[in-house]
Amino acid sequence: MPNYKLTYFNLRGRAEICRYLFAYAGIKYEDHRLEGADWPKIKPSK
């Protein structure tokens, strides 16, 4: 079985429906939540 990792900001937003679907389907996943201050470290600059 594949390993799933959901990465999104530490708020509901667009990822919340994915969290609901994982829970509804009984699928285990890693819920990796980002804080706003961490975003510049992760996002590549232009």
N, C-alpha and C. Protein backbone atom coordinates (compact mmCIF):
# COMPACT_ATOMS: atom_id res chain seq x y z
N MET A 1 0.85 -1.18 0.00
CA MET A 1 0.00 0.00 0.00
C MET A 1 0.89 1.24 0.00
N PRO A 2 0.56 2.24 -0.80
CA PRO A 2 1.39 3.45 -0.85
C PRO A 2 1.29 4.26 0.44
N ASN A 3 2.32 5.07 0.67
CA ASN A 3 2.32 6.00 1.80
C ASN A 3 1.89 7.36 1.28
N TYR A 4 0.95 7.98 1.96
CA TYR A 4 0.45 9.28 1.56
C TYR A 4 0.91 10.34 2.54
N LYS A 5 1.27 11.50 2.00
CA LYS A 5 1.66 12.64 2.82
C LYS A 5 0.93 13.87 2.28
N LEU A 6 0.11 14.47 3.13
CA LEU A 6 -0.64 15.67 2.76
C LEU A 6 0.08 16.87 3.37
N THR A 7 0.56 17.76 2.53
CA THR A 7 1.28 18.95 2.99
C THR A 7 0.46 20.18 2.64
N TYR A 8 0.11 20.95 3.66
CA TYR A 8 -0.67 22.17 3.46
C TYR A 8 -0.47 23.06 4.68
N PHE A 9 -0.93 24.27 4.59
CA PHE A 9 -0.82 25.20 5.71
C PHE A 9 -1.64 24.71 6.90
N ASN A 10 -1.30 25.20 8.08
CA ASN A 10 -1.96 24.78 9.31
C ASN A 10 -3.32 25.48 9.45
N LEU A 11 -4.19 25.17 8.51
CA LEU A 11 -5.56 25.67 8.52
C LEU A 11 -6.39 24.74 7.66
N ARG A 12 -7.67 24.92 7.65
CA ARG A 12 -8.54 24.00 6.90
C ARG A 12 -8.32 24.16 5.41
N GLY A 13 -8.68 25.29 4.87
CA GLY A 13 -8.44 25.59 3.47
C GLY A 13 -8.79 24.47 2.50
N ARG A 14 -8.04 24.39 1.43
CA ARG A 14 -8.31 23.41 0.37
C ARG A 14 -7.98 21.98 0.77
N ALA A 15 -7.13 21.80 1.76
CA ALA A 15 -6.73 20.45 2.15
C ALA A 15 -7.76 19.75 3.03
N GLU A 16 -8.71 20.50 3.57
CA GLU A 16 -9.65 19.89 4.51
C GLU A 16 -10.49 18.79 3.87
N ILE A 17 -10.91 18.98 2.63
CA ILE A 17 -11.69 17.93 1.98
C ILE A 17 -10.86 16.66 1.81
N CYS A 18 -9.56 16.80 1.54
CA CYS A 18 -8.68 15.63 1.44
C CYS A 18 -8.58 14.92 2.78
N ARG A 19 -8.47 15.68 3.85
CA ARG A 19 -8.42 15.07 5.18
C ARG A 19 -9.70 14.30 5.47
N TYR A 20 -10.84 14.89 5.12
CA TYR A 20 -12.13 14.20 5.30
C TYR A 20 -12.18 12.91 4.49
N LEU A 21 -11.73 12.97 3.25
CA LEU A 21 -11.78 11.79 2.39
C LEU A 21 -10.86 10.68 2.90
N PHE A 22 -9.67 11.03 3.34
CA PHE A 22 -8.77 10.03 3.92
C PHE A 22 -9.43 9.38 5.14
N ALA A 23 -10.01 10.19 6.00
CA ALA A 23 -10.66 9.66 7.20
C ALA A 23 -11.85 8.78 6.84
N TYR A 24 -12.67 9.23 5.91
CA TYR A 24 -13.85 8.47 5.50
C TYR A 24 -13.47 7.12 4.91
N ALA A 25 -12.39 7.10 4.12
CA ALA A 25 -11.94 5.87 3.48
C ALA A 25 -11.10 4.99 4.41
N GLY A 26 -10.76 5.52 5.59
CA GLY A 26 -9.94 4.76 6.53
C GLY A 26 -8.50 4.61 6.08
N ILE A 27 -8.02 5.57 5.30
CA ILE A 27 -6.65 5.53 4.78
C ILE A 27 -5.73 6.28 5.73
N LYS A 28 -4.63 5.66 6.09
CA LYS A 28 -3.64 6.32 6.93
C LYS A 28 -2.79 7.23 6.06
N TYR A 29 -2.46 8.39 6.61
CA TYR A 29 -1.65 9.36 5.88
C TYR A 29 -0.91 10.24 6.88
N GLU A 30 0.13 10.90 6.41
CA GLU A 30 0.86 11.85 7.24
C GLU A 30 0.30 13.23 6.96
N ASP A 31 -0.15 13.90 7.99
CA ASP A 31 -0.73 15.24 7.86
C ASP A 31 0.35 16.26 8.23
N HIS A 32 1.08 16.72 7.24
CA HIS A 32 2.19 17.65 7.45
C HIS A 32 1.66 19.07 7.26
N ARG A 33 1.60 19.82 8.36
CA ARG A 33 1.04 21.18 8.31
C ARG A 33 2.15 22.21 8.44
N LEU A 34 2.10 23.18 7.55
CA LEU A 34 3.10 24.24 7.51
C LEU A 34 2.61 25.49 8.22
N GLU A 35 3.50 26.15 8.89
CA GLU A 35 3.22 27.46 9.45
C GLU A 35 3.60 28.50 8.40
N GLY A 36 2.97 29.65 8.45
CA GLY A 36 3.24 30.69 7.46
C GLY A 36 4.70 31.09 7.37
N ALA A 37 5.40 31.10 8.51
CA ALA A 37 6.81 31.50 8.52
C ALA A 37 7.69 30.48 7.81
N ASP A 38 7.24 29.24 7.68
CA ASP A 38 8.04 28.20 7.02
C ASP A 38 7.92 28.25 5.50
N TRP A 39 6.90 28.91 4.99
CA TRP A 39 6.64 28.91 3.54
C TRP A 39 7.81 29.43 2.71
N PRO A 40 8.47 30.56 3.06
CA PRO A 40 9.59 31.03 2.23
C PRO A 40 10.74 30.03 2.15
N LYS A 41 10.91 29.20 3.15
CA LYS A 41 11.98 28.19 3.13
C LYS A 41 11.67 27.08 2.14
N ILE A 42 10.40 26.80 1.93
CA ILE A 42 9.97 25.68 1.09
C ILE A 42 9.74 26.11 -0.35
N LYS A 43 9.14 27.27 -0.55
CA LYS A 43 8.80 27.75 -1.89
C LYS A 43 10.06 28.21 -2.61
N PRO A 44 10.28 27.71 -3.81
CA PRO A 44 11.45 28.19 -4.57
C PRO A 44 11.24 29.64 -4.99
N SER A 45 12.28 30.43 -4.92
CA SER A 45 12.16 31.83 -5.31
C SER A 45 12.34 31.97 -6.82
N LYS A 46 11.80 33.04 -7.35
CA LYS A 46 11.91 33.28 -8.80
C LYS A 46 13.13 34.09 -9.13
